[in-house]
Amino acid sequence: MKNETQDIVVVGAGIIGITTALWLQSRGRSVLVLDRNDGKPRASEMNAGAFAFSDIEPLATPGIMSKAPKWLLDPLGPLSVPPRYALQIAPWLLRFWRASRPDRYRASVKAQADLMQTAQSALEDLIRETATEHLFRREGQLQLYEGEREFRANLPSWDLRRAHGMAFELLETPEAIAAFQPGLHSRFTHAGFTPDWINSCDPALWLKTLTETFLSRGGRIEKTEVGSVSLTETYAGLSGPEGDISAGQLIICAGAWSHKLAATIGDRFPLETERGYNTTLGAGAFDLKTHLTFPGHGFVVTRIDDGVRVGGAVELGGLSLPPDYRRAKTLLDKAKQFLPALKCDGGRQWMGYRPSLPDSLPVIDRSPRDRRVIYAFGHGHLGLTQSAGTAELVAHLVEDTVPPVDLKPFSARRF
């Protein structure tokens, strides 16, 4: 990055940044992408590969804060806060509690459902436009429950899906479940099947394909560490170790690091990280027919190429604490219990950072400080799912046209 001026600069080459860059490029804009790229596999590459359009319920549900003490007592549970991080995250947890109030919860569900509808349509457009149907599996998803009590307790979430027009089938016998996925432990007696669920064959390959498409159409990606943003009367400026750059419009899609850049122009966001863990097993690990979700345990089992990835859970632990790979092992041990034929030898562990805001909604908006700066971050564990929809909405902001959904719930000013 040498001193230069660009039409549009996107900061971040993860799935949100690259999809946004490609979307703008398709509208005739010249786009430069800047990325820190430290060489480590990123969340955009190592996630479960799911386009979870039916997941419209926020993490902050009514009554969830009554469970907070358990988070500290069970460091390997599905939702945890490391004790040494508890004081630092306290302000975020306060906002999280406020977001769980019934009125705000209902508003978040509505906003999430609207964004999901846009994202699903935008993804189908992107698949057609890039001729990449072969990179996807349309095998649905099973959400599994241990007994009728857990199933009944989760019926309100299925009522939400029904209210927003989402297709599903409820299964109430092990035999009905086995028709979709043989080999599950008999403890799982009830389930919900969502047929419109989509998975990428490999999220790393999907990101690579979009990146190569962007480059083949004349786009540029430069590896650099962007240190700060500055504003002048004419341009939004970026400073880094290799020089400065000026942008007619600047789009910040830097994931869990986005709030650090925003802070350099005075925009403050309560962004935290959902540290996610997984283990990827090789070919032949299990004959998986559909994506499996175990909501009571906070993890999923999904196919990646010919292998299996076991991962999930939420550890609210920031960017600095070292990984606790006991969490990945705990998930794998549970998966072995739930899928007795699962072969767990030779797995590869990973931990990544998922940018999370207290109300589970991303920021998709112009900066309150300057209209030339646009934010698109904070998608939590739904970045892959909402990437194409976010790109479409950012394009509306860039072009100053009317978006297909109300952007107020995603406002940069709401905090």
Protein backbone atom coordinates (compact mmCIF):
# COMPACT_ATOMS: atom_id res chain seq x y z
CA MET A 1 0.00 0.00 0.00
CA LYS A 2 1.72 3.14 -1.24
CA ASN A 3 0.32 6.64 -1.13
CA GLU A 4 -2.62 6.56 -3.55
CA THR A 5 -6.29 7.37 -4.01
CA GLN A 6 -9.05 4.81 -4.61
CA ASP A 7 -12.76 4.89 -5.41
CA ILE A 8 -13.77 2.33 -2.78
CA VAL A 9 -11.58 0.62 -0.17
CA VAL A 10 -12.83 -2.41 1.76
CA VAL A 11 -10.93 -3.30 4.92
CA GLY A 12 -11.08 -7.05 5.52
CA ALA A 13 -10.86 -10.02 3.14
CA GLY A 14 -13.05 -12.38 5.12
CA ILE A 15 -16.40 -13.52 3.77
CA ILE A 16 -18.16 -10.20 4.52
CA GLY A 17 -15.40 -8.09 2.97
CA ILE A 18 -14.86 -10.18 -0.17
CA THR A 19 -18.57 -10.64 -0.85
CA THR A 20 -19.10 -6.90 -0.43
CA ALA A 21 -16.19 -6.10 -2.73
CA LEU A 22 -17.47 -8.50 -5.40
CA TRP A 23 -21.02 -7.11 -5.12
CA LEU A 24 -19.79 -3.53 -5.61
CA GLN A 25 -17.49 -4.60 -8.43
CA SER A 26 -20.48 -6.12 -10.24
CA ARG A 27 -22.02 -2.64 -10.17
CA GLY A 28 -19.07 -1.15 -11.99
CA ARG A 29 -17.17 0.19 -9.01
CA SER A 30 -13.38 0.04 -8.65
CA VAL A 31 -12.60 -1.72 -5.36
CA LEU A 32 -9.38 -2.23 -3.42
CA VAL A 33 -9.41 -4.69 -0.51
CA LEU A 34 -6.93 -4.34 2.34
CA ASP A 35 -6.36 -7.25 4.70
CA ARG A 36 -4.08 -7.91 7.66
CA ASN A 37 -3.79 -11.65 6.77
CA ASP A 38 -1.61 -13.08 9.51
CA GLY A 39 -1.54 -16.47 7.79
CA LYS A 40 -3.81 -18.19 10.32
CA PRO A 41 -7.04 -19.88 9.17
CA ARG A 42 -9.82 -17.35 9.68
CA ALA A 43 -13.40 -17.82 10.85
CA SER A 44 -14.58 -17.34 7.26
CA GLU A 45 -12.66 -20.49 6.30
CA MET A 46 -13.04 -22.73 9.36
CA ASN A 47 -16.70 -22.32 10.31
CA ALA A 48 -19.36 -25.02 10.03
CA GLY A 49 -20.16 -24.05 6.45
CA ALA A 50 -23.82 -23.46 7.22
CA PHE A 51 -26.13 -20.84 5.74
CA ALA A 52 -28.43 -20.89 8.76
CA PHE A 53 -31.33 -18.84 7.39
CA SER A 54 -33.74 -20.33 9.94
CA ASP A 55 -31.65 -19.10 12.92
CA ILE A 56 -33.52 -15.90 13.68
CA GLU A 57 -33.47 -16.04 17.47
CA PRO A 58 -30.80 -13.82 19.10
CA LEU A 59 -28.39 -15.08 21.73
CA ALA A 60 -29.93 -12.61 24.20
CA THR A 61 -33.23 -14.34 24.95
CA PRO A 62 -35.55 -13.39 27.83
CA GLY A 63 -34.35 -14.96 31.08
CA ILE A 64 -30.89 -15.85 29.81
CA MET A 65 -29.12 -13.75 32.43
CA SER A 66 -30.46 -16.04 35.16
CA LYS A 67 -27.98 -18.56 33.77
CA ALA A 68 -25.00 -16.18 34.03
CA PRO A 69 -23.51 -17.69 37.23
CA LYS A 70 -23.28 -21.06 35.48
CA TRP A 71 -21.09 -19.53 32.78
CA LEU A 72 -18.35 -18.89 35.30
CA LEU A 73 -18.76 -22.25 37.01
CA ASP A 74 -18.64 -24.34 33.83
CA PRO A 75 -15.73 -23.18 31.65
CA LEU A 76 -16.43 -25.99 29.17
CA GLY A 77 -20.18 -25.36 28.86
CA PRO A 78 -21.96 -24.22 25.68
CA LEU A 79 -21.91 -20.56 26.75
CA SER A 80 -19.07 -19.47 29.00
CA VAL A 81 -17.02 -16.52 30.22
CA PRO A 82 -13.45 -17.21 31.39
CA PRO A 83 -13.21 -15.97 35.01
CA ARG A 84 -10.20 -13.76 34.27
CA TYR A 85 -12.21 -12.01 31.55
CA ALA A 86 -15.39 -11.53 33.59
CA LEU A 87 -14.64 -8.01 34.84
CA GLN A 88 -13.60 -6.77 31.41
CA ILE A 89 -16.74 -8.06 29.73
CA ALA A 90 -19.14 -6.81 32.43
CA PRO A 91 -20.28 -3.68 30.47
CA TRP A 92 -21.02 -5.85 27.43
CA LEU A 93 -23.01 -8.29 29.58
CA LEU A 94 -25.07 -5.39 30.92
CA ARG A 95 -26.02 -4.41 27.37
CA PHE A 96 -26.63 -8.09 26.62
CA TRP A 97 -29.08 -8.26 29.52
CA ARG A 98 -30.90 -5.15 28.27
CA ALA A 99 -31.13 -6.70 24.79
CA SER A 100 -32.84 -9.75 26.32
CA ARG A 101 -35.85 -7.75 27.51
CA PRO A 102 -39.00 -9.01 25.76
CA ASP A 103 -39.65 -5.89 23.65
CA ARG A 104 -36.07 -5.66 22.43
CA TYR A 105 -35.90 -9.42 21.91
CA ARG A 106 -38.99 -9.30 19.66
CA ALA A 107 -37.51 -6.40 17.69
CA SER A 108 -34.25 -8.32 17.21
CA VAL A 109 -36.12 -11.40 15.97
CA LYS A 110 -38.00 -9.28 13.40
CA ALA A 111 -34.79 -7.58 12.21
CA GLN A 112 -32.93 -10.89 12.01
CA ALA A 113 -35.74 -12.50 10.02
CA ASP A 114 -35.77 -9.59 7.55
CA LEU A 115 -32.01 -9.78 7.10
CA MET A 116 -32.17 -13.56 6.64
CA GLN A 117 -34.75 -13.21 3.87
CA THR A 118 -32.55 -10.71 2.06
CA ALA A 119 -29.46 -12.85 2.63
CA GLN A 120 -31.08 -16.00 1.26
CA SER A 121 -32.24 -14.27 -1.90
CA ALA A 122 -28.87 -12.55 -2.35
CA LEU A 123 -26.99 -15.83 -1.93
CA GLU A 124 -29.06 -17.51 -4.63
CA ASP A 125 -28.33 -14.56 -6.93
CA LEU A 126 -24.61 -14.84 -6.15
CA ILE A 127 -24.55 -18.60 -6.78
CA ARG A 128 -26.21 -18.11 -10.17
CA GLU A 129 -24.01 -15.17 -11.11
CA THR A 130 -20.79 -17.03 -10.29
CA ALA A 131 -21.99 -20.48 -11.53
CA THR A 132 -21.02 -22.12 -8.24
CA GLU A 133 -23.96 -24.42 -7.43
CA HIS A 134 -21.48 -27.32 -7.28
CA LEU A 135 -19.93 -25.81 -4.14
CA PHE A 136 -23.12 -26.29 -2.08
CA ARG A 137 -25.12 -29.03 -0.41
CA ARG A 138 -28.87 -28.68 -0.02
CA GLU A 139 -29.43 -31.43 2.56
CA GLY A 140 -31.33 -29.54 5.26
CA GLN A 141 -30.69 -29.54 9.00
CA LEU A 142 -31.83 -31.62 11.97
CA GLN A 143 -32.17 -29.85 15.32
CA LEU A 144 -32.16 -32.61 17.94
CA TYR A 145 -33.75 -32.84 21.39
CA GLU A 146 -33.29 -35.29 24.24
CA GLY A 147 -36.80 -36.17 25.29
CA GLU A 148 -40.19 -34.55 25.10
CA ARG A 149 -39.47 -32.00 27.82
CA GLU A 150 -36.61 -30.36 25.92
CA PHE A 151 -38.62 -30.54 22.72
CA ARG A 152 -41.64 -28.80 24.28
CA ALA A 153 -39.42 -26.14 25.81
CA ASN A 154 -38.14 -25.28 22.32
CA LEU A 155 -41.50 -25.16 20.55
CA PRO A 156 -41.70 -21.34 20.86
CA SER A 157 -38.62 -21.05 18.63
CA TRP A 158 -40.41 -23.13 15.99
CA ASP A 159 -43.45 -20.92 16.37
CA LEU A 160 -41.20 -17.96 15.55
CA ARG A 161 -40.03 -19.67 12.38
CA ARG A 162 -43.61 -20.44 11.40
CA ALA A 163 -44.63 -16.83 11.97
CA HIS A 164 -41.89 -15.72 9.58
CA GLY A 165 -42.83 -18.19 6.87
CA MET A 166 -39.97 -20.66 7.33
CA ALA A 167 -40.51 -24.27 6.29
CA PHE A 168 -39.88 -27.08 8.77
CA GLU A 169 -41.09 -30.50 9.86
CA LEU A 170 -41.30 -31.59 13.50
CA LEU A 171 -40.33 -35.21 14.25
CA GLU A 172 -41.50 -36.92 17.44
CA THR A 173 -40.07 -40.45 17.27
CA PRO A 174 -36.54 -41.86 16.93
CA GLU A 175 -37.73 -43.75 13.85
CA ALA A 176 -38.77 -40.51 12.14
CA ILE A 177 -35.37 -39.01 12.95
CA ALA A 178 -33.53 -42.07 11.64
CA ALA A 179 -35.21 -41.61 8.25
CA PHE A 180 -33.18 -38.39 7.91
CA GLN A 181 -30.05 -39.48 9.82
CA PRO A 182 -29.34 -43.07 10.86
CA GLY A 183 -26.83 -43.80 13.63
CA LEU A 184 -27.93 -41.31 16.28
CA HIS A 185 -28.10 -42.32 19.92
CA SER A 186 -31.59 -43.26 21.05
CA ARG A 187 -31.55 -40.45 23.64
CA PHE A 188 -32.61 -38.12 20.81
CA THR A 189 -36.33 -38.69 20.57
CA HIS A 190 -37.55 -35.45 18.98
CA ALA A 191 -36.25 -33.11 16.29
CA GLY A 192 -37.07 -30.35 13.87
CA PHE A 193 -36.00 -30.60 10.23
CA THR A 194 -35.46 -27.44 8.16
CA PRO A 195 -35.32 -28.44 4.46
CA ASP A 196 -34.18 -25.05 3.12
CA TRP A 197 -30.95 -25.11 5.13
CA ILE A 198 -27.89 -24.87 2.85
CA ASN A 199 -24.26 -25.80 3.49
CA SER A 200 -21.15 -24.97 1.55
CA CYS A 201 -19.10 -28.06 0.77
CA ASP A 202 -16.15 -26.21 2.30
CA PRO A 203 -16.33 -22.58 3.50
CA ALA A 204 -12.62 -22.10 2.78
CA LEU A 205 -13.18 -23.11 -0.86
CA TRP A 206 -16.21 -20.79 -1.11
CA LEU A 207 -14.14 -17.85 0.15
CA LYS A 208 -11.27 -18.78 -2.16
CA THR A 209 -13.61 -18.98 -5.15
CA LEU A 210 -15.15 -15.57 -4.44
CA THR A 211 -11.69 -14.08 -3.92
CA GLU A 212 -10.40 -15.47 -7.20
CA THR A 213 -13.52 -14.24 -9.00
CA PHE A 214 -12.99 -10.74 -7.59
CA LEU A 215 -9.33 -10.73 -8.68
CA SER A 216 -10.08 -12.15 -12.15
CA ARG A 217 -12.48 -9.26 -12.75
CA GLY A 218 -9.85 -6.65 -12.04
CA GLY A 219 -10.10 -6.29 -8.26
CA ARG A 220 -7.06 -5.80 -6.05
CA ILE A 221 -6.18 -7.20 -2.63
CA GLU A 222 -3.22 -5.87 -0.66
CA LYS A 223 -1.82 -7.34 2.51
CA THR A 224 -1.31 -4.63 5.09
CA GLU A 225 -2.07 -3.77 8.69
CA VAL A 226 -4.37 -0.74 8.69
CA GLY A 227 -3.53 1.26 11.79
CA SER A 228 -6.03 4.09 11.76
CA VAL A 229 -8.66 6.02 9.82
CA SER A 230 -8.54 9.78 9.28
CA LEU A 231 -11.04 12.15 7.73
CA THR A 232 -10.43 15.13 5.45
CA GLU A 233 -12.81 17.34 3.51
CA THR A 234 -12.25 15.27 0.38
CA TYR A 235 -11.40 11.71 1.40
CA ALA A 236 -11.47 9.12 4.12
CA GLY A 237 -7.85 8.22 4.76
CA LEU A 238 -6.14 5.06 5.97
CA SER A 239 -2.70 4.81 7.51
CA GLY A 240 -0.52 1.74 7.71
CA PRO A 241 3.15 0.72 7.86
CA GLU A 242 3.47 0.75 4.06
CA GLY A 243 1.96 4.17 3.48
CA ASP A 244 -1.31 6.06 3.34
CA ILE A 245 -4.31 5.67 1.10
CA SER A 246 -7.31 7.89 0.41
CA ALA A 247 -10.73 6.49 -0.40
CA GLY A 248 -13.82 8.07 -1.87
CA GLN A 249 -15.73 5.57 0.28
CA LEU A 250 -14.33 3.32 2.97
CA ILE A 251 -16.05 0.11 4.10
CA ILE A 252 -14.87 -1.52 7.32
CA CYS A 253 -15.50 -5.28 7.38
CA ALA A 254 -12.64 -6.30 9.66
CA GLY A 255 -14.57 -8.74 11.81
CA ALA A 256 -13.54 -8.88 15.46
CA TRP A 257 -11.01 -6.07 14.92
CA SER A 258 -13.49 -3.63 13.33
CA HIS A 259 -14.20 -1.66 16.50
CA LYS A 260 -10.52 -0.83 16.88
CA LEU A 261 -10.49 0.96 13.52
CA ALA A 262 -13.83 2.65 14.21
CA ALA A 263 -12.46 4.00 17.48
CA THR A 264 -9.74 5.92 15.63
CA ILE A 265 -12.40 8.32 14.30
CA GLY A 266 -14.36 8.39 17.54
CA ASP A 267 -17.02 5.73 16.85
CA ARG A 268 -17.35 3.36 19.83
CA PHE A 269 -18.94 -0.07 19.56
CA PRO A 270 -19.43 -2.73 22.28
CA LEU A 271 -17.95 -5.47 20.11
CA GLU A 272 -16.91 -8.72 21.75
CA THR A 273 -15.78 -12.07 20.39
CA GLU A 274 -17.61 -15.35 20.38
CA ARG A 275 -14.56 -17.58 20.42
CA GLY A 276 -15.63 -20.71 18.55
CA TYR A 277 -13.89 -24.10 18.66
CA ASN A 278 -14.04 -27.09 16.36
CA THR A 279 -12.34 -30.30 15.28
CA THR A 280 -12.22 -31.42 11.65
CA LEU A 281 -12.11 -35.17 11.06
CA GLY A 282 -10.98 -36.82 7.85
CA ALA A 283 -12.85 -38.71 5.16
CA GLY A 284 -14.88 -41.68 6.38
CA ALA A 285 -15.34 -40.35 9.92
CA PHE A 286 -19.13 -40.76 9.72
CA ASP A 287 -21.82 -41.19 7.08
CA LEU A 288 -23.47 -37.81 7.65
CA LYS A 289 -26.66 -37.23 5.68
CA THR A 290 -27.62 -33.76 6.92
CA HIS A 291 -26.34 -30.96 9.14
CA LEU A 292 -26.89 -31.87 12.83
CA THR A 293 -27.50 -29.27 15.53
CA PHE A 294 -27.54 -30.12 19.25
CA PRO A 295 -29.04 -26.95 20.79
CA GLY A 296 -28.94 -28.26 24.35
CA HIS A 297 -25.19 -28.65 24.07
CA GLY A 298 -24.39 -25.70 21.80
CA PHE A 299 -22.63 -27.45 18.93
CA VAL A 300 -23.10 -28.87 15.44
CA VAL A 301 -21.82 -31.72 13.33
CA THR A 302 -21.47 -30.98 9.64
CA ARG A 303 -19.85 -32.34 6.50
CA ILE A 304 -16.78 -30.56 5.14
CA ASP A 305 -15.78 -32.10 1.80
CA ASP A 306 -15.69 -35.82 2.61
CA GLY A 307 -14.89 -35.25 6.28
CA VAL A 308 -16.79 -34.11 9.36
CA ARG A 309 -16.45 -30.94 11.43
CA VAL A 310 -17.58 -30.90 15.07
CA GLY A 311 -17.76 -27.46 16.60
CA GLY A 312 -19.59 -24.53 18.06
CA ALA A 313 -20.19 -23.28 21.60
CA VAL A 314 -19.63 -19.68 22.66
CA GLU A 315 -16.73 -18.52 24.79
CA LEU A 316 -16.90 -14.78 25.41
CA GLY A 317 -13.19 -14.30 25.93
CA GLY A 318 -11.88 -11.42 23.83
CA LEU A 319 -8.93 -11.37 21.47
CA SER A 320 -5.99 -11.82 23.83
CA LEU A 321 -6.58 -14.89 26.01
CA PRO A 322 -4.90 -18.09 24.77
CA PRO A 323 -7.20 -20.77 23.32
CA ASP A 324 -8.59 -23.43 25.66
CA TYR A 325 -8.67 -26.47 23.40
CA ARG A 326 -10.31 -28.52 26.12
CA ARG A 327 -13.50 -26.99 24.73
CA ALA A 328 -12.90 -28.60 21.32
CA LYS A 329 -12.19 -31.95 22.99
CA THR A 330 -15.37 -31.70 25.09
CA LEU A 331 -17.45 -31.16 21.96
CA LEU A 332 -15.78 -34.06 20.19
CA ASP A 333 -16.32 -36.37 23.18
CA LYS A 334 -20.03 -35.45 23.20
CA ALA A 335 -20.28 -36.03 19.46
CA LYS A 336 -18.84 -39.52 19.95
CA GLN A 337 -21.53 -40.22 22.56
CA PHE A 338 -24.29 -38.94 20.31
CA LEU A 339 -22.96 -40.64 17.14
CA PRO A 340 -21.48 -43.94 18.41
CA ALA A 341 -19.98 -44.85 15.01
CA LEU A 342 -18.06 -41.55 14.74
CA LYS A 343 -14.32 -42.09 14.15
CA CYS A 344 -12.44 -39.44 16.10
CA ASP A 345 -8.82 -40.24 15.24
CA GLY A 346 -6.54 -37.65 13.66
CA GLY A 347 -8.75 -34.61 14.09
CA ARG A 348 -7.45 -31.05 13.55
CA GLN A 349 -8.45 -28.49 16.19
CA TRP A 350 -9.13 -24.80 15.59
CA MET A 351 -10.28 -21.71 17.47
CA GLY A 352 -11.49 -18.51 15.83
CA TYR A 353 -13.00 -15.13 16.61
CA ARG A 354 -16.61 -14.30 15.73
CA PRO A 355 -17.47 -10.59 16.18
CA SER A 356 -20.50 -10.23 18.44
CA LEU A 357 -22.66 -7.29 19.49
CA PRO A 358 -24.96 -7.52 22.54
CA ASP A 359 -28.23 -7.72 20.57
CA SER A 360 -26.90 -10.33 18.07
CA LEU A 361 -27.45 -7.90 15.17
CA PRO A 362 -24.63 -6.58 12.98
CA VAL A 363 -23.87 -2.96 12.27
CA ILE A 364 -24.68 -2.16 8.62
CA ASP A 365 -24.62 1.60 8.42
CA ARG A 366 -22.71 4.76 7.66
CA SER A 367 -20.48 6.15 10.36
CA PRO A 368 -22.18 8.83 12.49
CA ARG A 369 -18.96 10.81 12.01
CA ASP A 370 -18.75 10.71 8.23
CA ARG A 371 -21.01 9.34 5.47
CA ARG A 372 -18.01 8.19 3.47
CA VAL A 373 -17.25 5.52 6.09
CA ILE A 374 -19.55 2.47 6.09
CA TYR A 375 -19.55 -0.28 8.70
CA ALA A 376 -20.45 -3.94 8.07
CA PHE A 377 -19.46 -6.09 11.02
CA GLY A 378 -20.70 -7.79 14.19
CA HIS A 379 -22.52 -10.79 12.69
CA GLY A 380 -21.49 -13.18 15.49
CA HIS A 381 -21.71 -16.78 14.27
CA LEU A 382 -23.88 -15.77 11.29
CA GLY A 383 -21.27 -14.04 9.13
CA LEU A 384 -21.27 -16.67 6.39
CA THR A 385 -25.07 -16.86 6.46
CA GLN A 386 -25.60 -13.11 6.15
CA SER A 387 -22.63 -12.25 3.93
CA ALA A 388 -24.45 -11.89 0.59
CA GLY A 389 -27.34 -9.98 2.17
CA THR A 390 -24.92 -7.65 3.92
CA ALA A 391 -23.09 -7.03 0.65
CA GLU A 392 -26.35 -6.09 -1.06
CA LEU A 393 -27.30 -3.70 1.76
CA VAL A 394 -23.84 -2.09 1.74
CA ALA A 395 -24.22 -1.54 -2.01
CA HIS A 396 -27.46 0.34 -1.35
CA LEU A 397 -25.62 2.54 1.18
CA VAL A 398 -22.79 3.20 -1.28
CA GLU A 399 -25.22 4.07 -4.07
CA ASP A 400 -27.62 5.91 -1.73
CA THR A 401 -30.62 3.87 -2.88
CA VAL A 402 -33.52 2.38 -0.92
CA PRO A 403 -32.61 -1.02 0.60
CA PRO A 404 -35.04 -3.97 0.67
CA VAL A 405 -35.17 -3.96 4.49
CA ASP A 406 -35.31 -1.31 7.19
CA LEU A 407 -31.73 -0.60 8.27
CA LYS A 408 -32.63 1.11 11.57
CA PRO A 409 -32.12 -2.08 13.64
CA PHE A 410 -28.58 -2.26 12.26
CA SER A 411 -27.77 1.37 13.00
CA ALA A 412 -24.31 2.43 14.12
CA ARG A 413 -26.00 4.83 16.53
CA ARG A 414 -28.05 2.30 18.49
CA PHE A 415 -25.46 1.89 21.22
